[in-house]
Amino acid sequence: MTDLPSKILQTAVDQLATLPGVGKRSALRYALFLLGRDEGSVRDLADAMVRLKTDLHRCRHCHNLSDTEICPICASEKRQRGLVCVVENVQDVMAIENTQQYRGLYHVLGGVISPIDGIGVHDLEIASLVDRVATGNPYAVDEVILALPTTMEGDTTNYYINRLLQPYGVRVTTLARGVAVGDSLEYADEITLGRSIANRIPFEQ
């Protein structure tokens, strides 16, 4: 793309182009669209983006995104608090919630073990999961559902977590294989994902 006539416009395009899946041409189209909006609308957008960094929290218990220190799921008295579903990311929480088949709590790891990507055990919320099970804080855990991607990295993380949880006598289960091998939960259809949760099976080493 040729140089733009304005350094201000160029800076806006460069910043927009850092977003996933946004090339320079798309970034220019977005920048020109915003240029055509009224100033109030653009300020509202900018304020929303800043608040993502300044006002959004990670739940103190499960590490899900929340406007408050403890997310609405963990705070709800209607959830099965002894049931904890371990997922890779926040998108997986959203996918499972959309099935309306699960009424327990969650634990968001923030990724899976992947040495090739430089992601190790200490980069994930594995220690805090073990602590939840070991101490029963904030609620006693009866069952841990491992709902990680059906990839080599996901399976490696499953095995590692299962081994750590063995001394505590907690029931460890995994999704029934309705989710295709190699798939992420966020891309599974709601019916398949819901059945995989409902028909979960004991985790086998």
Protein backbone atom coordinates (compact mmCIF):
# COMPACT_ATOMS: atom_id res chain seq x y z
CA MET A 1 0.00 0.00 0.00
CA THR A 2 1.36 3.44 -0.96
CA ASP A 3 2.15 6.10 1.61
CA LEU A 4 -0.89 7.91 2.95
CA PRO A 5 -1.27 11.69 2.72
CA SER A 6 -1.51 12.09 6.50
CA LYS A 7 0.81 10.87 9.24
CA ILE A 8 -2.14 10.85 11.66
CA LEU A 9 -4.09 8.59 9.31
CA GLN A 10 -1.02 6.41 8.80
CA THR A 11 -0.61 5.98 12.57
CA ALA A 12 -4.28 4.99 12.93
CA VAL A 13 -3.95 2.47 10.09
CA ASP A 14 -0.76 1.01 11.57
CA GLN A 15 -2.45 0.50 14.95
CA LEU A 16 -5.59 -1.06 13.47
CA ALA A 17 -3.42 -3.38 11.38
CA THR A 18 -2.01 -4.91 14.58
CA LEU A 19 -5.40 -6.57 15.22
CA PRO A 20 -5.69 -10.28 14.32
CA GLY A 21 -6.81 -10.84 10.74
CA VAL A 22 -6.66 -7.14 9.82
CA GLY A 23 -4.39 -6.23 6.91
CA LYS A 24 -3.35 -2.77 5.80
CA ARG A 25 -6.22 -2.38 3.34
CA SER A 26 -8.83 -3.41 5.91
CA ALA A 27 -7.18 -1.15 8.48
CA LEU A 28 -7.44 1.79 6.07
CA ARG A 29 -11.10 1.03 5.44
CA TYR A 30 -11.78 0.96 9.20
CA ALA A 31 -9.84 4.18 9.76
CA LEU A 32 -11.78 5.99 7.03
CA PHE A 33 -15.04 4.64 8.44
CA LEU A 34 -14.17 6.02 11.87
CA LEU A 35 -13.18 9.31 10.28
CA GLY A 36 -16.70 9.57 8.92
CA ARG A 37 -18.31 9.00 12.34
CA ASP A 38 -19.13 11.80 14.75
CA GLU A 39 -16.54 12.55 17.43
CA GLY A 40 -18.73 11.24 20.26
CA SER A 41 -19.04 7.80 18.67
CA VAL A 42 -15.28 7.56 18.15
CA ARG A 43 -14.61 8.64 21.73
CA ASP A 44 -17.06 6.00 22.98
CA LEU A 45 -15.15 3.34 21.01
CA ALA A 46 -11.79 4.57 22.28
CA ASP A 47 -13.09 4.65 25.86
CA ALA A 48 -14.43 1.09 25.58
CA MET A 49 -11.02 -0.13 24.39
CA VAL A 50 -9.18 1.63 27.22
CA ARG A 51 -11.60 0.22 29.80
CA LEU A 52 -10.76 -3.29 28.59
CA LYS A 53 -7.33 -2.73 30.12
CA THR A 54 -8.19 -0.54 33.10
CA ASP A 55 -11.51 -1.83 34.43
CA LEU A 56 -11.81 -5.48 33.37
CA HIS A 57 -10.83 -8.08 35.98
CA ARG A 58 -9.85 -11.73 36.10
CA CYS A 59 -12.10 -13.54 38.57
CA ARG A 60 -10.19 -14.24 41.78
CA HIS A 61 -11.51 -17.82 41.86
CA CYS A 62 -11.74 -19.08 38.27
CA HIS A 63 -9.80 -16.47 36.20
CA ASN A 64 -12.74 -15.79 33.90
CA LEU A 65 -13.24 -12.21 32.71
CA SER A 66 -15.44 -10.13 34.97
CA ASP A 67 -16.42 -6.56 35.80
CA THR A 68 -16.00 -7.46 39.47
CA GLU A 69 -13.41 -9.27 41.57
CA ILE A 70 -15.54 -12.42 41.60
CA CYS A 71 -17.41 -13.29 38.40
CA PRO A 72 -21.20 -13.82 38.32
CA ILE A 73 -20.78 -17.58 37.73
CA CYS A 74 -18.64 -18.10 40.84
CA ALA A 75 -20.91 -15.81 42.86
CA SER A 76 -24.13 -17.56 41.85
CA GLU A 77 -25.78 -19.75 44.47
CA LYS A 78 -27.57 -21.63 41.69
CA ARG A 79 -24.38 -23.26 40.38
CA GLN A 80 -23.08 -26.70 41.42
CA ARG A 81 -20.08 -25.47 43.33
CA GLY A 82 -18.49 -28.88 43.77
CA LEU A 83 -18.17 -29.29 39.99
CA VAL A 84 -15.28 -27.50 38.24
CA CYS A 85 -14.77 -27.53 34.47
CA VAL A 86 -11.19 -26.82 33.39
CA VAL A 87 -10.92 -24.94 30.08
CA GLU A 88 -8.19 -23.36 28.02
CA ASN A 89 -9.59 -19.85 27.65
CA VAL A 90 -12.51 -17.50 28.16
CA GLN A 91 -13.97 -18.35 24.74
CA ASP A 92 -14.42 -21.93 25.95
CA VAL A 93 -16.43 -20.73 28.96
CA MET A 94 -18.71 -18.84 26.57
CA ALA A 95 -19.07 -21.88 24.30
CA ILE A 96 -20.03 -24.19 27.18
CA GLU A 97 -22.42 -21.64 28.70
CA ASN A 98 -24.17 -21.37 25.32
CA THR A 99 -25.07 -25.08 25.52
CA GLN A 100 -27.10 -24.47 28.71
CA GLN A 101 -26.14 -28.02 29.70
CA TYR A 102 -23.62 -27.22 32.43
CA ARG A 103 -24.38 -25.73 35.84
CA GLY A 104 -21.03 -26.05 37.61
CA LEU A 105 -18.10 -23.67 37.98
CA TYR A 106 -15.04 -23.15 35.78
CA HIS A 107 -11.28 -22.83 35.96
CA VAL A 108 -9.61 -20.97 33.08
CA LEU A 109 -6.00 -22.08 32.57
CA GLY A 110 -5.07 -19.34 30.10
CA GLY A 111 -3.61 -21.82 27.62
CA VAL A 112 -2.22 -25.34 27.40
CA ILE A 113 1.28 -26.73 27.87
CA SER A 114 3.14 -26.15 24.61
CA PRO A 115 6.96 -26.15 24.78
CA ILE A 116 7.22 -25.28 21.08
CA ASP A 117 5.35 -22.05 21.82
CA GLY A 118 7.27 -21.41 25.00
CA ILE A 119 4.25 -22.10 27.24
CA GLY A 120 5.16 -24.07 30.33
CA VAL A 121 3.40 -25.21 33.46
CA HIS A 122 4.20 -22.02 35.36
CA ASP A 123 2.66 -19.86 32.62
CA LEU A 124 -0.76 -21.39 33.29
CA GLU A 125 -3.24 -21.37 36.19
CA ILE A 126 -2.50 -24.97 37.09
CA ALA A 127 -1.15 -24.34 40.60
CA SER A 128 -4.26 -22.35 41.52
CA LEU A 129 -6.44 -25.24 40.30
CA VAL A 130 -4.59 -27.72 42.50
CA ASP A 131 -4.92 -25.27 45.39
CA ARG A 132 -8.71 -25.07 44.84
CA VAL A 133 -8.96 -28.86 45.06
CA ALA A 134 -6.50 -29.26 47.94
CA THR A 135 -7.93 -26.56 50.20
CA GLY A 136 -11.59 -26.53 49.18
CA ASN A 137 -11.30 -22.76 48.85
CA PRO A 138 -13.63 -21.12 48.03
CA TYR A 139 -15.77 -24.30 47.70
CA ALA A 140 -15.06 -28.00 48.18
CA VAL A 141 -14.47 -29.70 44.81
CA ASP A 142 -16.01 -33.11 44.17
CA GLU A 143 -15.34 -33.45 40.44
CA VAL A 144 -12.97 -31.85 37.94
CA ILE A 145 -13.97 -32.00 34.27
CA LEU A 146 -11.01 -31.68 31.89
CA ALA A 147 -12.43 -29.86 28.87
CA LEU A 148 -9.24 -28.94 27.02
CA PRO A 149 -8.68 -29.10 23.25
CA THR A 150 -8.38 -32.58 21.74
CA THR A 151 -4.85 -31.84 20.55
CA MET A 152 -1.47 -33.20 21.61
CA GLU A 153 -0.95 -30.10 23.76
CA GLY A 154 -4.40 -30.42 25.31
CA ASP A 155 -3.90 -34.11 26.06
CA THR A 156 -0.47 -33.42 27.59
CA THR A 157 -2.03 -30.81 29.87
CA ASN A 158 -4.85 -33.19 30.79
CA TYR A 159 -2.42 -35.91 31.83
CA TYR A 160 -0.29 -33.48 33.82
CA ILE A 161 -3.28 -32.06 35.73
CA ASN A 162 -4.73 -35.51 36.37
CA ARG A 163 -1.44 -36.65 37.87
CA LEU A 164 -1.33 -33.63 40.18
CA LEU A 165 -4.91 -34.18 41.37
CA GLN A 166 -4.56 -37.90 42.13
CA PRO A 167 -3.44 -37.46 45.79
CA TYR A 168 -6.65 -35.57 46.64
CA GLY A 169 -9.12 -38.29 45.69
CA VAL A 170 -11.22 -35.97 43.55
CA ARG A 171 -13.14 -37.47 40.64
CA VAL A 172 -11.52 -36.48 37.32
CA THR A 173 -13.55 -36.78 34.12
CA THR A 174 -13.19 -35.66 30.53
CA LEU A 175 -15.56 -34.83 27.69
CA ALA A 176 -17.06 -37.68 25.70
CA ARG A 177 -15.44 -37.75 22.27
CA GLY A 178 -18.27 -35.96 20.52
CA VAL A 179 -15.81 -33.14 19.92
CA ALA A 180 -13.61 -34.10 16.98
CA VAL A 181 -9.92 -34.73 17.61
CA GLY A 182 -7.93 -31.56 16.98
CA ASP A 183 -10.89 -29.23 17.54
CA SER A 184 -11.17 -26.30 19.93
CA LEU A 185 -14.32 -26.09 22.05
CA GLU A 186 -15.24 -22.63 20.79
CA TYR A 187 -15.75 -24.05 17.28
CA ALA A 188 -17.88 -27.05 18.31
CA ASP A 189 -21.61 -26.79 17.73
CA GLU A 190 -23.72 -26.35 20.86
CA ILE A 191 -25.55 -29.69 20.62
CA THR A 192 -22.35 -31.72 20.23
CA LEU A 193 -20.60 -29.83 23.01
CA GLY A 194 -23.60 -30.13 25.31
CA ARG A 195 -23.78 -33.89 24.81
CA SER A 196 -20.03 -34.21 25.35
CA ILE A 197 -20.41 -32.55 28.75
CA ALA A 198 -23.54 -34.47 29.76
CA ASN A 199 -21.95 -37.80 28.74
CA ARG A 200 -18.51 -37.11 30.21
CA ILE A 201 -16.41 -40.12 31.14
CA PRO A 202 -13.72 -40.90 33.75
CA PHE A 203 -10.30 -39.68 32.70
CA GLU A 204 -8.03 -42.60 31.83
CA GLN A 205 -4.28 -42.30 32.10
